[in-house]
């Protein structure tokens, strides 16, 4: 702290001190505490105690440092007590926070006055709405749908093509049936060349099985024809090939019957009946 020079007043405001005024004679006013009086700087401006400039930020930082220093000294000297107070603060904060959250999420009741009015009675339910004239359109054969030619709500009539089916499986079945028939006919031709009674009956069974497979393939082809999903030219070619194979088998059979020395007419008649049935099926 600066010392006051003799004969000069001292002010709290940092400025150049001036000579103090002469003390009037007979006055009892003391000049021991010059800071209580107004101070005058070099420019002649007076500053009172209430007009002193202050640095508020510096003052706030100083107070904060003092507060932190006091806390530090307290924690250093009272470690156990400081730890206990810290635990109490944490537990208390959690308790009040949990209590606030519980009160926020709780049930809220709204009070109101009862008034007279009409009560609306309604019944709700779930279900499926169907028309009275609904018709299910199903193909005669089981196949995958690869194209649909109509839209929802469109009117159709009998004979209109509404969808396209995948006929690859049916084609494969027809091919397998044709191959089975050709194989059975070839086996029968070999047996007729010099066959025994047992071998002839086995050949007849093979022909009968091939005939059933061929009949089923013909039925499937008819269904596909009705659906408009199979080319008639391809089917006709397959039938022509089967007809050629059957005629070849018929010629071999006729030659075998003419040259064979099979005893009894019953077996020959049965074999002729099987071929007649197969021929009528092709026709």
C-alpha atoms as a PDB file:
ATOM      1  CA  UNK A   1       0.000   0.000   0.000  1.00  0.00           C
ATOM      2  CA  UNK A   2       1.347   3.416  -0.884  1.00  0.00           C
ATOM      3  CA  UNK A   3       2.247   5.777   1.861  1.00  0.00           C
ATOM      4  CA  UNK A   4       0.704   9.150   1.956  1.00  0.00           C
ATOM      5  CA  UNK A   5       3.158  11.946   1.527  1.00  0.00           C
ATOM      6  CA  UNK A   6       3.195  14.604   4.111  1.00  0.00           C
ATOM      7  CA  UNK A   7       1.131  17.570   3.174  1.00  0.00           C
ATOM      8  CA  UNK A   8      -0.614  15.776   0.281  1.00  0.00           C
ATOM      9  CA  UNK A   9      -3.976  13.963   0.289  1.00  0.00           C
ATOM     10  CA  UNK A  10      -4.216  10.259  -0.618  1.00  0.00           C
ATOM     11  CA  UNK A  11      -7.042   8.920  -2.779  1.00  0.00           C
ATOM     12  CA  UNK A  12      -8.109   5.313  -3.470  1.00  0.00           C
ATOM     13  CA  UNK A  13      -8.385   6.203  -7.129  1.00  0.00           C
ATOM     14  CA  UNK A  14      -5.069   5.735  -8.883  1.00  0.00           C
ATOM     15  CA  UNK A  15      -4.140   9.229  -9.979  1.00  0.00           C
ATOM     16  CA  UNK A  16      -1.513  11.794  -9.250  1.00  0.00           C
ATOM     17  CA  UNK A  17      -2.054  13.108  -5.734  1.00  0.00           C
ATOM     18  CA  UNK A  18      -2.356  16.821  -5.308  1.00  0.00           C
ATOM     19  CA  UNK A  19      -1.595  19.137  -2.466  1.00  0.00           C
ATOM     20  CA  UNK A  20      -4.263  19.056   0.130  1.00  0.00           C
ATOM     21  CA  UNK A  21      -5.991  22.298   0.924  1.00  0.00           C
ATOM     22  CA  UNK A  22      -4.978  24.300   3.862  1.00  0.00           C
ATOM     23  CA  UNK A  23      -6.811  23.514   7.015  1.00  0.00           C
ATOM     24  CA  UNK A  24      -8.783  26.527   8.094  1.00  0.00           C
ATOM     25  CA  UNK A  25      -8.000  27.853  11.451  1.00  0.00           C
ATOM     26  CA  UNK A  26     -10.444  27.022  14.149  1.00  0.00           C
ATOM     27  CA  UNK A  27     -11.773  23.986  12.279  1.00  0.00           C
ATOM     28  CA  UNK A  28     -11.889  20.708  14.149  1.00  0.00           C
ATOM     29  CA  UNK A  29     -12.222  18.613  11.005  1.00  0.00           C
ATOM     30  CA  UNK A  30      -9.491  16.039  10.906  1.00  0.00           C
ATOM     31  CA  UNK A  31      -7.449  15.264   7.861  1.00  0.00           C
ATOM     32  CA  UNK A  32      -6.299  11.953   9.227  1.00  0.00           C
ATOM     33  CA  UNK A  33      -8.579  10.039   6.882  1.00  0.00           C
ATOM     34  CA  UNK A  34      -8.325  11.835   3.571  1.00  0.00           C
ATOM     35  CA  UNK A  35     -10.078   9.037   1.637  1.00  0.00           C
ATOM     36  CA  UNK A  36     -13.367  10.166   3.118  1.00  0.00           C
ATOM     37  CA  UNK A  37     -13.024  13.464   1.355  1.00  0.00           C
ATOM     38  CA  UNK A  38     -13.228  14.218  -2.300  1.00  0.00           C
ATOM     39  CA  UNK A  39      -9.989  13.853  -4.187  1.00  0.00           C
ATOM     40  CA  UNK A  40      -8.757  16.079  -6.943  1.00  0.00           C
ATOM     41  CA  UNK A  41      -6.523  14.925  -9.758  1.00  0.00           C
ATOM     42  CA  UNK A  42      -4.158  16.890 -11.919  1.00  0.00           C
ATOM     43  CA  UNK A  43      -6.911  17.979 -14.298  1.00  0.00           C
ATOM     44  CA  UNK A  44      -8.999  19.326 -11.482  1.00  0.00           C
ATOM     45  CA  UNK A  45     -11.652  16.571 -11.604  1.00  0.00           C
ATOM     46  CA  UNK A  46     -13.100  15.428  -8.311  1.00  0.00           C
ATOM     47  CA  UNK A  47     -13.875  11.812  -7.512  1.00  0.00           C
ATOM     48  CA  UNK A  48     -15.915  10.741  -4.565  1.00  0.00           C
ATOM     49  CA  UNK A  49     -15.977   7.378  -2.869  1.00  0.00           C
ATOM     50  CA  UNK A  50     -19.081   6.314  -4.814  1.00  0.00           C
ATOM     51  CA  UNK A  51     -17.557   7.318  -8.160  1.00  0.00           C
ATOM     52  CA  UNK A  52     -14.482   5.093  -7.990  1.00  0.00           C
ATOM     53  CA  UNK A  53     -14.034   2.854 -11.089  1.00  0.00           C
ATOM     54  CA  UNK A  54     -14.010  -0.875 -10.353  1.00  0.00           C
ATOM     55  CA  UNK A  55     -13.134  -3.906 -12.442  1.00  0.00           C
ATOM     56  CA  UNK A  56     -16.082  -6.236 -11.884  1.00  0.00           C
ATOM     57  CA  UNK A  57     -14.623  -9.240 -13.759  1.00  0.00           C
ATOM     58  CA  UNK A  58     -11.421  -9.156 -11.772  1.00  0.00           C
ATOM     59  CA  UNK A  59     -13.428  -8.933  -8.588  1.00  0.00           C
ATOM     60  CA  UNK A  60     -15.603 -11.915  -9.496  1.00  0.00           C
ATOM     61  CA  UNK A  61     -12.586 -14.058 -10.368  1.00  0.00           C
ATOM     62  CA  UNK A  62     -10.943 -13.107  -7.105  1.00  0.00           C
ATOM     63  CA  UNK A  63     -14.011 -14.104  -5.095  1.00  0.00           C
ATOM     64  CA  UNK A  64     -14.250 -17.416  -6.989  1.00  0.00           C
ATOM     65  CA  UNK A  65     -10.610 -18.182  -6.296  1.00  0.00           C
ATOM     66  CA  UNK A  66     -11.091 -17.436  -2.616  1.00  0.00           C
ATOM     67  CA  UNK A  67     -14.160 -19.687  -2.477  1.00  0.00           C
ATOM     68  CA  UNK A  68     -12.344 -22.561  -4.172  1.00  0.00           C
ATOM     69  CA  UNK A  69      -9.356 -22.089  -1.898  1.00  0.00           C
ATOM     70  CA  UNK A  70     -11.612 -22.285   1.159  1.00  0.00           C
ATOM     71  CA  UNK A  71     -13.187 -25.503  -0.133  1.00  0.00           C
ATOM     72  CA  UNK A  72      -9.763 -26.954  -0.835  1.00  0.00           C
ATOM     73  CA  UNK A  73      -8.576 -26.161   2.685  1.00  0.00           C
ATOM     74  CA  UNK A  74     -11.736 -27.685   4.158  1.00  0.00           C
ATOM     75  CA  UNK A  75     -11.372 -30.913   2.151  1.00  0.00           C
ATOM     76  CA  UNK A  76      -7.705 -31.164   3.036  1.00  0.00           C
ATOM     77  CA  UNK A  77      -8.299 -30.765   6.750  1.00  0.00           C
ATOM     78  CA  UNK A  78     -11.596 -32.671   6.997  1.00  0.00           C
ATOM     79  CA  UNK A  79     -11.208 -35.593   4.599  1.00  0.00           C
ATOM     80  CA  UNK A  80     -13.682 -37.990   6.185  1.00  0.00           C
ATOM     81  CA  UNK A  81     -16.260 -35.286   6.701  1.00  0.00           C
ATOM     82  CA  UNK A  82     -15.813 -34.126   3.114  1.00  0.00           C
ATOM     83  CA  UNK A  83     -16.300 -37.655   1.794  1.00  0.00           C
ATOM     84  CA  UNK A  84     -19.435 -38.046   3.914  1.00  0.00           C
ATOM     85  CA  UNK A  85     -20.879 -34.765   2.639  1.00  0.00           C
ATOM     86  CA  UNK A  86     -20.115 -35.757  -0.957  1.00  0.00           C
ATOM     87  CA  UNK A  87     -21.980 -39.055  -0.516  1.00  0.00           C
ATOM     88  CA  UNK A  88     -24.934 -37.239   1.050  1.00  0.00           C
ATOM     89  CA  UNK A  89     -25.083 -34.786  -1.864  1.00  0.00           C
ATOM     90  CA  UNK A  90     -24.996 -37.582  -4.471  1.00  0.00           C
ATOM     91  CA  UNK A  91     -27.653 -39.679  -2.715  1.00  0.00           C
ATOM     92  CA  UNK A  92     -29.872 -36.667  -2.132  1.00  0.00           C
ATOM     93  CA  UNK A  93     -29.584 -35.561  -5.746  1.00  0.00           C
ATOM     94  CA  UNK A  94     -30.488 -39.025  -7.018  1.00  0.00           C
ATOM     95  CA  UNK A  95     -33.445 -39.229  -4.624  1.00  0.00           C
ATOM     96  CA  UNK A  96     -34.928 -35.913  -5.707  1.00  0.00           C
ATOM     97  CA  UNK A  97     -34.319 -36.682  -9.387  1.00  0.00           C
ATOM     98  CA  UNK A  98     -36.018 -40.080  -9.094  1.00  0.00           C
ATOM     99  CA  UNK A  99     -38.902 -38.546  -7.186  1.00  0.00           C
ATOM    100  CA  UNK A 100     -39.377 -35.913  -9.886  1.00  0.00           C
ATOM    101  CA  UNK A 101     -39.344 -38.519 -12.663  1.00  0.00           C
ATOM    102  CA  UNK A 102     -41.877 -40.668 -10.796  1.00  0.00           C
ATOM    103  CA  UNK A 103     -44.226 -37.739 -10.315  1.00  0.00           C
ATOM    104  CA  UNK A 104     -43.906 -36.826 -14.011  1.00  0.00           C
ATOM    105  CA  UNK A 105     -44.680 -40.360 -15.290  1.00  0.00           C
ATOM    106  CA  UNK A 106     -47.503 -40.955 -12.845  1.00  0.00           C
ATOM    107  CA  UNK A 107     -51.206 -41.130 -13.653  1.00  0.00           C
ATOM    108  CA  UNK A 108     -52.790 -37.760 -14.324  1.00  0.00           C
ATOM    109  CA  UNK A 109     -56.413 -37.243 -13.430  1.00  0.00           C
ATOM    110  CA  UNK A 110     -58.627 -34.599 -14.981  1.00  0.00           C
ATOM    111  CA  UNK A 111     -61.678 -33.437 -13.091  1.00  0.00           C
ATOM    112  CA  UNK A 112     -64.814 -32.404 -14.902  1.00  0.00           C
ATOM    113  CA  UNK A 113     -68.499 -31.789 -14.350  1.00  0.00           C
ATOM    114  CA  UNK A 114     -71.167 -34.287 -15.387  1.00  0.00           C
ATOM    115  CA  UNK A 115     -73.637 -33.095 -18.020  1.00  0.00           C
ATOM    116  CA  UNK A 116     -76.712 -34.657 -19.579  1.00  0.00           C
ATOM    117  CA  UNK A 117     -76.341 -35.883 -23.149  1.00  0.00           C
ATOM    118  CA  UNK A 118     -76.992 -38.683 -25.611  1.00  0.00           C
ATOM    119  CA  UNK A 119     -75.044 -41.938 -25.532  1.00  0.00           C
ATOM    120  CA  UNK A 120     -73.888 -43.327 -28.875  1.00  0.00           C
ATOM    121  CA  UNK A 121     -73.820 -47.131 -29.028  1.00  0.00           C
ATOM    122  CA  UNK A 122     -71.601 -48.650 -31.706  1.00  0.00           C
ATOM    123  CA  UNK A 123     -70.402 -52.161 -32.474  1.00  0.00           C
ATOM    124  CA  UNK A 124     -67.112 -52.860 -34.235  1.00  0.00           C
ATOM    125  CA  UNK A 125     -65.760 -56.097 -35.620  1.00  0.00           C
ATOM    126  CA  UNK A 126     -63.360 -57.571 -38.126  1.00  0.00           C
ATOM    127  CA  UNK A 127     -64.201 -59.848 -41.039  1.00  0.00           C
ATOM    128  CA  UNK A 128     -63.848 -60.534 -44.741  1.00  0.00           C
ATOM    129  CA  UNK A 129     -66.248 -59.042 -47.293  1.00  0.00           C
ATOM    130  CA  UNK A 130     -67.299 -61.380 -50.118  1.00  0.00           C
ATOM    131  CA  UNK A 131     -69.704 -60.945 -53.015  1.00  0.00           C
ATOM    132  CA  UNK A 132     -72.732 -63.165 -53.470  1.00  0.00           C
ATOM    133  CA  UNK A 133     -71.886 -64.058 -57.104  1.00  0.00           C
ATOM    134  CA  UNK A 134     -68.224 -64.897 -56.640  1.00  0.00           C
ATOM    135  CA  UNK A 135     -66.812 -67.553 -58.987  1.00  0.00           C
ATOM    136  CA  UNK A 136     -63.448 -69.237 -58.580  1.00  0.00           C
ATOM    137  CA  UNK A 137     -61.563 -69.704 -61.854  1.00  0.00           C
ATOM    138  CA  UNK A 138     -59.292 -72.744 -61.715  1.00  0.00           C
ATOM    139  CA  UNK A 139     -57.416 -74.513 -64.530  1.00  0.00           C
ATOM    140  CA  UNK A 140     -57.863 -78.222 -65.165  1.00  0.00           C
ATOM    141  CA  UNK A 141     -54.157 -78.886 -64.664  1.00  0.00           C
ATOM    142  CA  UNK A 142     -51.744 -77.798 -61.951  1.00  0.00           C
ATOM    143  CA  UNK A 143     -49.203 -75.330 -63.336  1.00  0.00           C
ATOM    144  CA  UNK A 144     -47.557 -72.016 -62.502  1.00  0.00           C
ATOM    145  CA  UNK A 145     -49.066 -68.763 -63.803  1.00  0.00           C
ATOM    146  CA  UNK A 146     -46.536 -66.811 -65.862  1.00  0.00           C
ATOM    147  CA  UNK A 147     -48.784 -64.008 -67.204  1.00  0.00           C
ATOM    148  CA  UNK A 148     -52.158 -62.366 -66.439  1.00  0.00           C
ATOM    149  CA  UNK A 149     -54.053 -60.659 -69.263  1.00  0.00           C
ATOM    150  CA  UNK A 150     -56.783 -58.858 -67.293  1.00  0.00           C
ATOM    151  CA  UNK A 151     -56.890 -56.176 -64.613  1.00  0.00           C
ATOM    152  CA  UNK A 152     -58.807 -55.956 -61.365  1.00  0.00           C
ATOM    153  CA  UNK A 153     -62.446 -55.017 -61.999  1.00  0.00           C
ATOM    154  CA  UNK A 154     -62.337 -55.827 -65.718  1.00  0.00           C
ATOM    155  CA  UNK A 155     -65.364 -57.601 -67.226  1.00  0.00           C
ATOM    156  CA  UNK A 156     -64.752 -60.954 -68.916  1.00  0.00           C
ATOM    157  CA  UNK A 157     -66.876 -63.475 -70.728  1.00  0.00           C
ATOM    158  CA  UNK A 158     -66.716 -67.160 -71.531  1.00  0.00           C
ATOM    159  CA  UNK A 159     -63.825 -68.021 -73.809  1.00  0.00           C
ATOM    160  CA  UNK A 160     -61.613 -65.060 -72.861  1.00  0.00           C
ATOM    161  CA  UNK A 161     -58.023 -65.892 -71.984  1.00  0.00           C
ATOM    162  CA  UNK A 162     -57.323 -64.444 -68.547  1.00  0.00           C
ATOM    163  CA  UNK A 163     -53.963 -66.011 -67.733  1.00  0.00           C
ATOM    164  CA  UNK A 164     -51.094 -67.993 -69.199  1.00  0.00           C
ATOM    165  CA  UNK A 165     -49.806 -71.184 -67.599  1.00  0.00           C
ATOM    166  CA  UNK A 166     -46.346 -72.689 -67.725  1.00  0.00           C
ATOM    167  CA  UNK A 167     -46.637 -75.809 -69.953  1.00  0.00           C
ATOM    168  CA  UNK A 168     -43.018 -76.972 -69.638  1.00  0.00           C
ATOM    169  CA  UNK A 169     -43.901 -79.687 -67.133  1.00  0.00           C
ATOM    170  CA  UNK A 170     -46.687 -80.984 -69.373  1.00  0.00           C
ATOM    171  CA  UNK A 171     -44.327 -81.069 -72.344  1.00  0.00           C
ATOM    172  CA  UNK A 172     -41.853 -83.097 -70.346  1.00  0.00           C
ATOM    173  CA  UNK A 173     -44.557 -85.558 -69.322  1.00  0.00           C
ATOM    174  CA  UNK A 174     -45.664 -86.013 -72.940  1.00  0.00           C
ATOM    175  CA  UNK A 175     -42.068 -86.613 -74.016  1.00  0.00           C
ATOM    176  CA  UNK A 176     -41.544 -89.157 -71.250  1.00  0.00           C
ATOM    177  CA  UNK A 177     -44.754 -90.967 -72.167  1.00  0.00           C
ATOM    178  CA  UNK A 178     -43.714 -91.079 -75.837  1.00  0.00           C
ATOM    179  CA  UNK A 179     -40.282 -92.436 -74.956  1.00  0.00           C
ATOM    180  CA  UNK A 180     -41.828 -95.057 -72.715  1.00  0.00           C
ATOM    181  CA  UNK A 181     -44.175 -96.150 -75.503  1.00  0.00           C
ATOM    182  CA  UNK A 182     -41.332 -96.389 -78.032  1.00  0.00           C
ATOM    183  CA  UNK A 183     -39.213 -98.377 -75.595  1.00  0.00           C
ATOM    184  CA  UNK A 184     -42.070-100.755 -74.839  1.00  0.00           C
ATOM    185  CA  UNK A 185     -42.770-101.293 -78.518  1.00  0.00           C
ATOM    186  CA  UNK A 186     -39.106-101.979 -79.246  1.00  0.00           C
ATOM    187  CA  UNK A 187     -38.940-104.476 -76.400  1.00  0.00           C
ATOM    188  CA  UNK A 188     -42.081-106.183 -77.653  1.00  0.00           C
ATOM    189  CA  UNK A 189     -40.663-106.397 -81.172  1.00  0.00           C
ATOM    190  CA  UNK A 190     -37.597-108.154 -79.831  1.00  0.00           C
ATOM    191  CA  UNK A 191     -39.688-110.556 -77.833  1.00  0.00           C
ATOM    192  CA  UNK A 192     -41.938-111.368 -80.791  1.00  0.00           C
ATOM    193  CA  UNK A 193     -38.946-112.406 -82.880  1.00  0.00           C
ATOM    194  CA  UNK A 194     -38.311-115.388 -80.666  1.00  0.00           C
ATOM    195  CA  UNK A 195     -40.117-114.876 -77.438  1.00  0.00           C
ATOM    196  CA  UNK A 196     -41.516-117.249 -74.862  1.00  0.00           C
ATOM    197  CA  UNK A 197     -44.940-117.072 -73.322  1.00  0.00           C
ATOM    198  CA  UNK A 198     -43.611-115.336 -70.181  1.00  0.00           C
ATOM    199  CA  UNK A 199     -41.628-112.775 -72.147  1.00  0.00           C
ATOM    200  CA  UNK A 200     -44.642-112.026 -74.338  1.00  0.00           C
ATOM    201  CA  UNK A 201     -46.788-111.385 -71.271  1.00  0.00           C
ATOM    202  CA  UNK A 202     -44.108-109.074 -69.832  1.00  0.00           C
ATOM    203  CA  UNK A 203     -44.025-107.201 -73.127  1.00  0.00           C
ATOM    204  CA  UNK A 204     -47.817-106.950 -73.059  1.00  0.00           C
ATOM    205  CA  UNK A 205     -47.661-105.470 -69.565  1.00  0.00           C
ATOM    206  CA  UNK A 206     -45.048-102.949 -70.702  1.00  0.00           C
ATOM    207  CA  UNK A 207     -47.211-101.961 -73.649  1.00  0.00           C
ATOM    208  CA  UNK A 208     -50.248-101.617 -71.398  1.00  0.00           C
ATOM    209  CA  UNK A 209     -48.302 -99.417 -68.962  1.00  0.00           C
ATOM    210  CA  UNK A 210     -47.033 -97.277 -71.830  1.00  0.00           C
ATOM    211  CA  UNK A 211     -50.583 -97.036 -73.121  1.00  0.00           C
ATOM    212  CA  UNK A 212     -51.825 -95.719 -69.764  1.00  0.00           C
ATOM    213  CA  UNK A 213     -49.038 -93.147 -69.619  1.00  0.00           C
ATOM    214  CA  UNK A 214     -49.788 -92.112 -73.181  1.00  0.00           C
ATOM    215  CA  UNK A 215     -53.495 -91.789 -72.424  1.00  0.00           C
ATOM    216  CA  UNK A 216     -52.744 -89.562 -69.454  1.00  0.00           C
ATOM    217  CA  UNK A 217     -50.477 -87.406 -71.607  1.00  0.00           C
ATOM    218  CA  UNK A 218     -53.256 -87.101 -74.204  1.00  0.00           C
ATOM    219  CA  UNK A 219     -55.669 -85.955 -71.486  1.00  0.00           C
ATOM    220  CA  UNK A 220     -53.214 -83.325 -70.299  1.00  0.00           C
ATOM    221  CA  UNK A 221     -52.703 -82.149 -73.867  1.00  0.00           C
ATOM    222  CA  UNK A 222     -56.459 -81.754 -74.290  1.00  0.00           C
ATOM    223  CA  UNK A 223     -56.595 -79.659 -71.132  1.00  0.00           C
ATOM    224  CA  UNK A 224     -53.813 -77.436 -72.375  1.00  0.00           C
ATOM    225  CA  UNK A 225     -55.604 -77.078 -75.726  1.00  0.00           C
ATOM    226  CA  UNK A 226     -58.714 -75.896 -73.933  1.00  0.00           C
ATOM    227  CA  UNK A 227     -56.683 -73.368 -71.964  1.00  0.00           C
ATOM    228  CA  UNK A 228     -55.021 -72.015 -75.105  1.00  0.00           C
ATOM    229  CA  UNK A 229     -51.511 -72.481 -73.719  1.00  0.00           C
ATOM    230  CA  UNK A 230     -50.042 -75.223 -75.971  1.00  0.00           C
ATOM    231  CA  UNK A 231     -49.045 -75.026 -79.605  1.00  0.00           C
ATOM    232  CA  UNK A 232     -51.162 -77.443 -81.659  1.00  0.00           C
ATOM    233  CA  UNK A 233     -48.440 -77.885 -84.267  1.00  0.00           C
ATOM    234  CA  UNK A 234     -45.941 -79.258 -81.716  1.00  0.00           C
ATOM    235  CA  UNK A 235     -48.481 -81.612 -80.217  1.00  0.00           C
ATOM    236  CA  UNK A 236     -49.489 -82.834 -83.679  1.00  0.00           C
ATOM    237  CA  UNK A 237     -45.831 -83.541 -84.502  1.00  0.00           C
ATOM    238  CA  UNK A 238     -45.470 -85.586 -81.333  1.00  0.00           C
ATOM    239  CA  UNK A 239     -48.599 -87.544 -82.157  1.00  0.00           C
ATOM    240  CA  UNK A 240     -47.322 -88.206 -85.688  1.00  0.00           C
ATOM    241  CA  UNK A 241     -44.073 -89.574 -84.295  1.00  0.00           C
ATOM    242  CA  UNK A 242     -45.986 -91.821 -81.943  1.00  0.00           C
ATOM    243  CA  UNK A 243     -48.158 -92.987 -84.871  1.00  0.00           C
ATOM    244  CA  UNK A 244     -45.054 -93.879 -86.900  1.00  0.00           C
ATOM    245  CA  UNK A 245     -43.621 -95.821 -83.981  1.00  0.00           C
ATOM    246  CA  UNK A 246     -46.886 -97.684 -83.506  1.00  0.00           C
ATOM    247  CA  UNK A 247     -47.079 -98.588 -87.199  1.00  0.00           C
ATOM    248  CA  UNK A 248     -43.522 -99.869 -87.072  1.00  0.00           C
ATOM    249  CA  UNK A 249     -44.374-101.967 -84.062  1.00  0.00           C
ATOM    250  CA  UNK A 250     -47.504-103.241 -85.837  1.00  0.00           C
ATOM    251  CA  UNK A 251     -45.470-104.379 -88.835  1.00  0.00           C
ATOM    252  CA  UNK A 252     -42.972-106.124 -86.593  1.00  0.00           C
ATOM    253  CA  UNK A 253     -45.807-107.763 -84.726  1.00  0.00           C
ATOM    254  CA  UNK A 254     -47.454-108.973 -87.921  1.00  0.00           C
ATOM    255  CA  UNK A 255     -44.190-110.469 -89.117  1.00  0.00           C
ATOM    256  CA  UNK A 256     -43.603-112.152 -85.782  1.00  0.00           C
ATOM    257  CA  UNK A 257     -47.113-113.645 -85.694  1.00  0.00           C
ATOM    258  CA  UNK A 258     -46.743-114.928 -89.240  1.00  0.00           C
ATOM    259  CA  UNK A 259     -43.362-116.574 -88.607  1.00  0.00           C
ATOM    260  CA  UNK A 260     -43.651-117.472 -84.950  1.00  0.00           C
ATOM    261  CA  UNK A 261     -44.546-120.966 -83.813  1.00  0.00           C
ATOM    262  CA  UNK A 262     -46.310-119.908 -80.655  1.00  0.00           C
ATOM    263  CA  UNK A 263     -48.840-122.528 -79.654  1.00  0.00           C
ATOM    264  CA  UNK A 264     -52.362-121.440 -78.809  1.00  0.00           C
ATOM    265  CA  UNK A 265     -54.429-118.599 -80.186  1.00  0.00           C
ATOM    266  CA  UNK A 266     -55.346-116.969 -76.885  1.00  0.00           C
ATOM    267  CA  UNK A 267     -51.992-115.196 -76.394  1.00  0.00           C
ATOM    268  CA  UNK A 268     -51.863-113.919 -79.950  1.00  0.00           C
ATOM    269  CA  UNK A 269     -55.372-112.602 -79.669  1.00  0.00           C
ATOM    270  CA  UNK A 270     -54.559-110.825 -76.387  1.00  0.00           C
ATOM    271  CA  UNK A 271     -51.489-109.188 -77.908  1.00  0.00           C
ATOM    272  CA  UNK A 272     -53.493-108.133 -80.953  1.00  0.00           C
ATOM    273  CA  UNK A 273     -56.094-106.634 -78.653  1.00  0.00           C
ATOM    274  CA  UNK A 274     -53.454-104.549 -76.826  1.00  0.00           C
ATOM    275  CA  UNK A 275     -52.143-103.118 -80.111  1.00  0.00           C
ATOM    276  CA  UNK A 276     -55.658-102.459 -81.326  1.00  0.00           C
ATOM    277  CA  UNK A 277     -56.391-100.497 -78.163  1.00  0.00           C
ATOM    278  CA  UNK A 278     -53.178 -98.472 -78.534  1.00  0.00           C
ATOM    279  CA  UNK A 279     -54.014 -97.751 -82.198  1.00  0.00           C
ATOM    280  CA  UNK A 280     -57.540 -96.648 -81.367  1.00  0.00           C
ATOM    281  CA  UNK A 281     -56.136 -94.360 -78.671  1.00  0.00           C
ATOM    282  CA  UNK A 282     -53.828 -92.704 -81.179  1.00  0.00           C
ATOM    283  CA  UNK A 283     -56.675 -92.225 -83.632  1.00  0.00           C
END
